[in-house]
Amino acid sequence: MTTAEDIEKAVEKLAPPELARFRAWFEEFDAQQFDAAIERDARTGKLDALADEALAAHRGGRSRDL
């Protein structure tokens, strides 16, 4: 069995209050991982082309107010 499978089996056995606690923890953990990836991509320039494209679209009148 893989580690992921072990975790899946353990999660399946959680009582509802513990499952809710795990779910809240994982949601926060996942959000932090996502934020870190975005920050890392921004620092290394991986998002520069997308930003340039968005700015060009805005300057070209292809954007709208939210």
PDB file of N, CA and C in Angstrom:
ATOM      1  N   MET A   1       0.841  -1.177   0.000  1.00  0.00           N
ATOM      2  CA  MET A   1       0.000   0.000   0.000  1.00  0.00           C
ATOM      3  C   MET A   1       0.889   1.243   0.000  1.00  0.00           C
ATOM      4  N   THR A   2       0.437   2.286  -0.710  1.00  0.00           N
ATOM      5  CA  THR A   2       1.203   3.530  -0.754  1.00  0.00           C
ATOM      6  C   THR A   2       0.829   4.414   0.423  1.00  0.00           C
ATOM      7  N   THR A   3       1.614   5.425   0.640  1.00  0.00           N
ATOM      8  CA  THR A   3       1.321   6.377   1.703  1.00  0.00           C
ATOM      9  C   THR A   3      -0.035   7.039   1.471  1.00  0.00           C
ATOM     10  N   ALA A   4      -0.327   7.407   0.225  1.00  0.00           N
ATOM     11  CA  ALA A   4      -1.613   8.039  -0.083  1.00  0.00           C
ATOM     12  C   ALA A   4      -2.764   7.088   0.255  1.00  0.00           C
ATOM     13  N   GLU A   5      -2.609   5.836  -0.082  1.00  0.00           N
ATOM     14  CA  GLU A   5      -3.651   4.854   0.235  1.00  0.00           C
ATOM     15  C   GLU A   5      -3.817   4.711   1.741  1.00  0.00           C
ATOM     16  N   ASP A   6      -2.718   4.716   2.472  1.00  0.00           N
ATOM     17  CA  ASP A   6      -2.774   4.648   3.936  1.00  0.00           C
ATOM     18  C   ASP A   6      -3.546   5.839   4.501  1.00  0.00           C
ATOM     19  N   ILE A   7      -3.260   6.999   3.965  1.00  0.00           N
ATOM     20  CA  ILE A   7      -3.947   8.206   4.431  1.00  0.00           C
ATOM     21  C   ILE A   7      -5.431   8.130   4.103  1.00  0.00           C
ATOM     22  N   GLU A   8      -5.761   7.695   2.890  1.00  0.00           N
ATOM     23  CA  GLU A   8      -7.168   7.558   2.505  1.00  0.00           C
ATOM     24  C   GLU A   8      -7.909   6.635   3.474  1.00  0.00           C
ATOM     25  N   LYS A   9      -7.307   5.511   3.783  1.00  0.00           N
ATOM     26  CA  LYS A   9      -7.944   4.545   4.691  1.00  0.00           C
ATOM     27  C   LYS A   9      -8.121   5.147   6.090  1.00  0.00           C
ATOM     28  N   ALA A  10      -7.119   5.883   6.549  1.00  0.00           N
ATOM     29  CA  ALA A  10      -7.211   6.508   7.865  1.00  0.00           C
ATOM     30  C   ALA A  10      -8.316   7.563   7.882  1.00  0.00           C
ATOM     31  N   VAL A  11      -8.430   8.348   6.816  1.00  0.00           N
ATOM     32  CA  VAL A  11      -9.459   9.386   6.742  1.00  0.00           C
ATOM     33  C   VAL A  11     -10.844   8.741   6.740  1.00  0.00           C
ATOM     34  N   GLU A  12     -10.984   7.636   6.037  1.00  0.00           N
ATOM     35  CA  GLU A  12     -12.273   6.938   5.991  1.00  0.00           C
ATOM     36  C   GLU A  12     -12.730   6.484   7.377  1.00  0.00           C
ATOM     37  N   LYS A  13     -11.804   6.261   8.271  1.00  0.00           N
ATOM     38  CA  LYS A  13     -12.131   5.767   9.612  1.00  0.00           C
ATOM     39  C   LYS A  13     -12.412   6.883  10.625  1.00  0.00           C
ATOM     40  N   LEU A  14     -12.207   8.137  10.235  1.00  0.00           N
ATOM     41  CA  LEU A  14     -12.402   9.238  11.173  1.00  0.00           C
ATOM     42  C   LEU A  14     -13.873   9.410  11.535  1.00  0.00           C
ATOM     43  N   ALA A  15     -14.101   9.704  12.807  1.00  0.00           N
ATOM     44  CA  ALA A  15     -15.446  10.049  13.261  1.00  0.00           C
ATOM     45  C   ALA A  15     -15.791  11.429  12.696  1.00  0.00           C
ATOM     46  N   PRO A  16     -17.066  11.740  12.529  1.00  0.00           N
ATOM     47  CA  PRO A  16     -17.460  13.023  11.929  1.00  0.00           C
ATOM     48  C   PRO A  16     -16.781  14.258  12.527  1.00  0.00           C
ATOM     49  N   PRO A  17     -16.667  14.384  13.853  1.00  0.00           N
ATOM     50  CA  PRO A  17     -15.986  15.585  14.363  1.00  0.00           C
ATOM     51  C   PRO A  17     -14.505  15.648  13.962  1.00  0.00           C
ATOM     52  N   GLU A  18     -13.851  14.505  13.958  1.00  0.00           N
ATOM     53  CA  GLU A  18     -12.445  14.469  13.548  1.00  0.00           C
ATOM     54  C   GLU A  18     -12.306  14.703  12.051  1.00  0.00           C
ATOM     55  N   LEU A  19     -13.251  14.216  11.278  1.00  0.00           N
ATOM     56  CA  LEU A  19     -13.224  14.447   9.839  1.00  0.00           C
ATOM     57  C   LEU A  19     -13.389  15.939   9.556  1.00  0.00           C
ATOM     58  N   ALA A  20     -14.279  16.598  10.271  1.00  0.00           N
ATOM     59  CA  ALA A  20     -14.464  18.044  10.108  1.00  0.00           C
ATOM     60  C   ALA A  20     -13.189  18.787  10.480  1.00  0.00           C
ATOM     61  N   ARG A  21     -12.555  18.363  11.557  1.00  0.00           N
ATOM     62  CA  ARG A  21     -11.299  18.990  11.986  1.00  0.00           C
ATOM     63  C   ARG A  21     -10.210  18.788  10.938  1.00  0.00           C
ATOM     64  N   PHE A  22     -10.121  17.564  10.414  1.00  0.00           N
ATOM     65  CA  PHE A  22      -9.132  17.274   9.369  1.00  0.00           C
ATOM     66  C   PHE A  22      -9.423  18.101   8.116  1.00  0.00           C
ATOM     67  N   ARG A  23     -10.680  18.181   7.736  1.00  0.00           N
ATOM     68  CA  ARG A  23     -11.063  18.927   6.548  1.00  0.00           C
ATOM     69  C   ARG A  23     -10.657  20.403   6.678  1.00  0.00           C
ATOM     70  N   ALA A  24     -10.917  20.996   7.822  1.00  0.00           N
ATOM     71  CA  ALA A  24     -10.546  22.398   8.054  1.00  0.00           C
ATOM     72  C   ALA A  24      -9.032  22.564   8.000  1.00  0.00           C
ATOM     73  N   TRP A  25      -8.317  21.639   8.635  1.00  0.00           N
ATOM     74  CA  TRP A  25      -6.860  21.703   8.603  1.00  0.00           C
ATOM     75  C   TRP A  25      -6.352  21.575   7.174  1.00  0.00           C
ATOM     76  N   PHE A  26      -6.881  20.617   6.410  1.00  0.00           N
ATOM     77  CA  PHE A  26      -6.385  20.390   5.058  1.00  0.00           C
ATOM     78  C   PHE A  26      -6.710  21.572   4.150  1.00  0.00           C
ATOM     79  N   GLU A  27      -7.874  22.169   4.326  1.00  0.00           N
ATOM     80  CA  GLU A  27      -8.229  23.335   3.523  1.00  0.00           C
ATOM     81  C   GLU A  27      -7.229  24.465   3.744  1.00  0.00           C
ATOM     82  N   GLU A  28      -6.866  24.713   4.984  1.00  0.00           N
ATOM     83  CA  GLU A  28      -5.878  25.749   5.300  1.00  0.00           C
ATOM     84  C   GLU A  28      -4.498  25.369   4.754  1.00  0.00           C
ATOM     85  N   PHE A  29      -4.105  24.126   4.935  1.00  0.00           N
ATOM     86  CA  PHE A  29      -2.830  23.632   4.423  1.00  0.00           C
ATOM     87  C   PHE A  29      -2.753  23.787   2.906  1.00  0.00           C
ATOM     88  N   ASP A  30      -3.804  23.385   2.223  1.00  0.00           N
ATOM     89  CA  ASP A  30      -3.848  23.457   0.766  1.00  0.00           C
ATOM     90  C   ASP A  30      -3.773  24.908   0.289  1.00  0.00           C
ATOM     91  N   ALA A  31      -4.486  25.800   0.972  1.00  0.00           N
ATOM     92  CA  ALA A  31      -4.461  27.219   0.617  1.00  0.00           C
ATOM     93  C   ALA A  31      -3.053  27.789   0.790  1.00  0.00           C
ATOM     94  N   GLN A  32      -2.376  27.409   1.851  1.00  0.00           N
ATOM     95  CA  GLN A  32      -1.008  27.890   2.078  1.00  0.00           C
ATOM     96  C   GLN A  32      -0.058  27.383   0.990  1.00  0.00           C
ATOM     97  N   GLN A  33      -0.231  26.134   0.583  1.00  0.00           N
ATOM     98  CA  GLN A  33       0.602  25.572  -0.482  1.00  0.00           C
ATOM     99  C   GLN A  33       0.367  26.312  -1.797  1.00  0.00           C
ATOM    100  N   PHE A  34      -0.903  26.594  -2.095  1.00  0.00           N
ATOM    101  CA  PHE A  34      -1.253  27.313  -3.318  1.00  0.00           C
ATOM    102  C   PHE A  34      -0.655  28.719  -3.289  1.00  0.00           C
ATOM    103  N   ASP A  35      -0.820  29.426  -2.166  1.00  0.00           N
ATOM    104  CA  ASP A  35      -0.272  30.775  -2.045  1.00  0.00           C
ATOM    105  C   ASP A  35       1.247  30.780  -2.215  1.00  0.00           C
ATOM    106  N   ALA A  36       1.901  29.797  -1.622  1.00  0.00           N
ATOM    107  CA  ALA A  36       3.358  29.711  -1.737  1.00  0.00           C
ATOM    108  C   ALA A  36       3.772  29.484  -3.187  1.00  0.00           C
ATOM    109  N   ALA A  37       3.023  28.659  -3.906  1.00  0.00           N
ATOM    110  CA  ALA A  37       3.340  28.393  -5.315  1.00  0.00           C
ATOM    111  C   ALA A  37       3.163  29.653  -6.153  1.00  0.00           C
ATOM    112  N   ILE A  38       2.089  30.404  -5.909  1.00  0.00           N
ATOM    113  CA  ILE A  38       1.865  31.645  -6.644  1.00  0.00           C
ATOM    114  C   ILE A  38       2.989  32.640  -6.349  1.00  0.00           C
ATOM    115  N   GLU A  39       3.347  32.788  -5.087  1.00  0.00           N
ATOM    116  CA  GLU A  39       4.434  33.699  -4.718  1.00  0.00           C
ATOM    117  C   GLU A  39       5.749  33.285  -5.371  1.00  0.00           C
ATOM    118  N   ARG A  40       6.034  31.996  -5.371  1.00  0.00           N
ATOM    119  CA  ARG A  40       7.264  31.482  -5.987  1.00  0.00           C
ATOM    120  C   ARG A  40       7.246  31.753  -7.493  1.00  0.00           C
ATOM    121  N   ASP A  41       6.113  31.501  -8.136  1.00  0.00           N
ATOM    122  CA  ASP A  41       6.010  31.744  -9.575  1.00  0.00           C
ATOM    123  C   ASP A  41       6.146  33.229  -9.897  1.00  0.00           C
ATOM    124  N   ALA A  42       5.583  34.078  -9.056  1.00  0.00           N
ATOM    125  CA  ALA A  42       5.693  35.525  -9.270  1.00  0.00           C
ATOM    126  C   ALA A  42       7.145  35.977  -9.126  1.00  0.00           C
ATOM    127  N   ARG A  43       7.823  35.470  -8.095  1.00  0.00           N
ATOM    128  CA  ARG A  43       9.228  35.845  -7.870  1.00  0.00           C
ATOM    129  C   ARG A  43      10.137  35.399  -9.003  1.00  0.00           C
ATOM    130  N   THR A  44       9.859  34.244  -9.578  1.00  0.00           N
ATOM    131  CA  THR A  44      10.746  33.701 -10.621  1.00  0.00           C
ATOM    132  C   THR A  44      10.354  34.149 -12.023  1.00  0.00           C
ATOM    133  N   GLY A  45       9.306  34.977 -12.126  1.00  0.00           N
ATOM    134  CA  GLY A  45       8.934  35.518 -13.424  1.00  0.00           C
ATOM    135  C   GLY A  45       7.990  34.665 -14.245  1.00  0.00           C
ATOM    136  N   LYS A  46       7.524  33.571 -13.692  1.00  0.00           N
ATOM    137  CA  LYS A  46       6.646  32.687 -14.458  1.00  0.00           C
ATOM    138  C   LYS A  46       5.306  33.335 -14.805  1.00  0.00           C
ATOM    139  N   LEU A  47       4.935  34.376 -14.081  1.00  0.00           N
ATOM    140  CA  LEU A  47       3.647  35.030 -14.325  1.00  0.00           C
ATOM    141  C   LEU A  47       3.787  36.310 -15.150  1.00  0.00           C
ATOM    142  N   ASP A  48       5.011  36.674 -15.469  1.00  0.00           N
ATOM    143  CA  ASP A  48       5.246  37.934 -16.178  1.00  0.00           C
ATOM    144  C   ASP A  48       4.518  37.997 -17.524  1.00  0.00           C
ATOM    145  N   ALA A  49       4.563  36.934 -18.300  1.00  0.00           N
ATOM    146  CA  ALA A  49       3.918  36.929 -19.616  1.00  0.00           C
ATOM    147  C   ALA A  49       2.406  37.103 -19.474  1.00  0.00           C
ATOM    148  N   LEU A  50       1.821  36.463 -18.469  1.00  0.00           N
ATOM    149  CA  LEU A  50       0.383  36.620 -18.244  1.00  0.00           C
ATOM    150  C   LEU A  50       0.040  38.041 -17.828  1.00  0.00           C
ATOM    151  N   ALA A  51       0.861  38.630 -16.973  1.00  0.00           N
ATOM    152  CA  ALA A  51       0.635  40.008 -16.546  1.00  0.00           C
ATOM    153  C   ALA A  51       0.772  40.958 -17.734  1.00  0.00           C
ATOM    154  N   ASP A  52       1.786  40.754 -18.561  1.00  0.00           N
ATOM    155  CA  ASP A  52       1.977  41.605 -19.739  1.00  0.00           C
ATOM    156  C   ASP A  52       0.790  41.498 -20.691  1.00  0.00           C
ATOM    157  N   GLU A  53       0.303  40.283 -20.876  1.00  0.00           N
ATOM    158  CA  GLU A  53      -0.853  40.064 -21.749  1.00  0.00           C
ATOM    159  C   GLU A  53      -2.103  40.764 -21.200  1.00  0.00           C
ATOM    160  N   ALA A  54      -2.310  40.680 -19.900  1.00  0.00           N
ATOM    161  CA  ALA A  54      -3.471  41.322 -19.276  1.00  0.00           C
ATOM    162  C   ALA A  54      -3.365  42.840 -19.378  1.00  0.00           C
ATOM    163  N   LEU A  55      -2.186  43.379 -19.145  1.00  0.00           N
ATOM    164  CA  LEU A  55      -2.003  44.825 -19.242  1.00  0.00           C
ATOM    165  C   LEU A  55      -2.199  45.317 -20.679  1.00  0.00           C
ATOM    166  N   ALA A  56      -1.707  44.563 -21.632  1.00  0.00           N
ATOM    167  CA  ALA A  56      -1.890  44.933 -23.037  1.00  0.00           C
ATOM    168  C   ALA A  56      -3.370  44.898 -23.406  1.00  0.00           C
ATOM    169  N   ALA A  57      -4.080  43.910 -22.931  1.00  0.00           N
ATOM    170  CA  ALA A  57      -5.520  43.823 -23.194  1.00  0.00           C
ATOM    171  C   ALA A  57      -6.243  45.012 -22.580  1.00  0.00           C
ATOM    172  N   HIS A  58      -5.850  45.383 -21.385  1.00  0.00           N
ATOM    173  CA  HIS A  58      -6.472  46.531 -20.723  1.00  0.00           C
ATOM    174  C   HIS A  58      -6.193  47.824 -21.490  1.00  0.00           C
ATOM    175  N   ARG A  59      -4.950  48.006 -21.857  1.00  0.00           N
ATOM    176  CA  ARG A  59      -4.581  49.204 -22.619  1.00  0.00           C
ATOM    177  C   ARG A  59      -5.305  49.249 -23.971  1.00  0.00           C
ATOM    178  N   GLY A  60      -5.576  48.067 -24.511  1.00  0.00           N
ATOM    179  CA  GLY A  60      -6.266  47.980 -25.802  1.00  0.00           C
ATOM    180  C   GLY A  60      -7.779  48.061 -25.670  1.00  0.00           C
ATOM    181  N   GLY A  61      -8.268  48.335 -24.474  1.00  0.00           N
ATOM    182  CA  GLY A  61      -9.701  48.487 -24.265  1.00  0.00           C
ATOM    183  C   GLY A  61     -10.464  47.179 -24.189  1.00  0.00           C
ATOM    184  N   ARG A  62      -9.755  46.081 -23.952  1.00  0.00           N
ATOM    185  CA  ARG A  62     -10.410  44.783 -23.890  1.00  0.00           C
ATOM    186  C   ARG A  62     -10.604  44.297 -22.466  1.00  0.00           C
ATOM    187  N   SER A  63     -10.895  45.248 -21.569  1.00  0.00           N
ATOM    188  CA  SER A  63     -11.191  44.899 -20.177  1.00  0.00           C
ATOM    189  C   SER A  63     -12.400  45.699 -19.737  1.00  0.00           C
ATOM    190  N   ARG A  64     -12.963  45.313 -18.622  1.00  0.00           N
ATOM    191  CA  ARG A  64     -14.116  46.029 -18.111  1.00  0.00           C
ATOM    192  C   ARG A  64     -14.021  46.150 -16.609  1.00  0.00           C
ATOM    193  N   ASP A  65     -14.688  47.142 -16.054  1.00  0.00           N
ATOM    194  CA  ASP A  65     -14.712  47.331 -14.604  1.00  0.00           C
ATOM    195  C   ASP A  65     -15.471  46.173 -13.964  1.00  0.00           C
ATOM    196  N   LEU A  66     -15.040  45.804 -12.788  1.00  0.00           N
ATOM    197  CA  LEU A  66     -15.736  44.755 -12.049  1.00  0.00           C
ATOM    198  C   LEU A  66     -16.830  45.338 -11.197  1.00  0.00           C
TER     199      LEU A  66
END
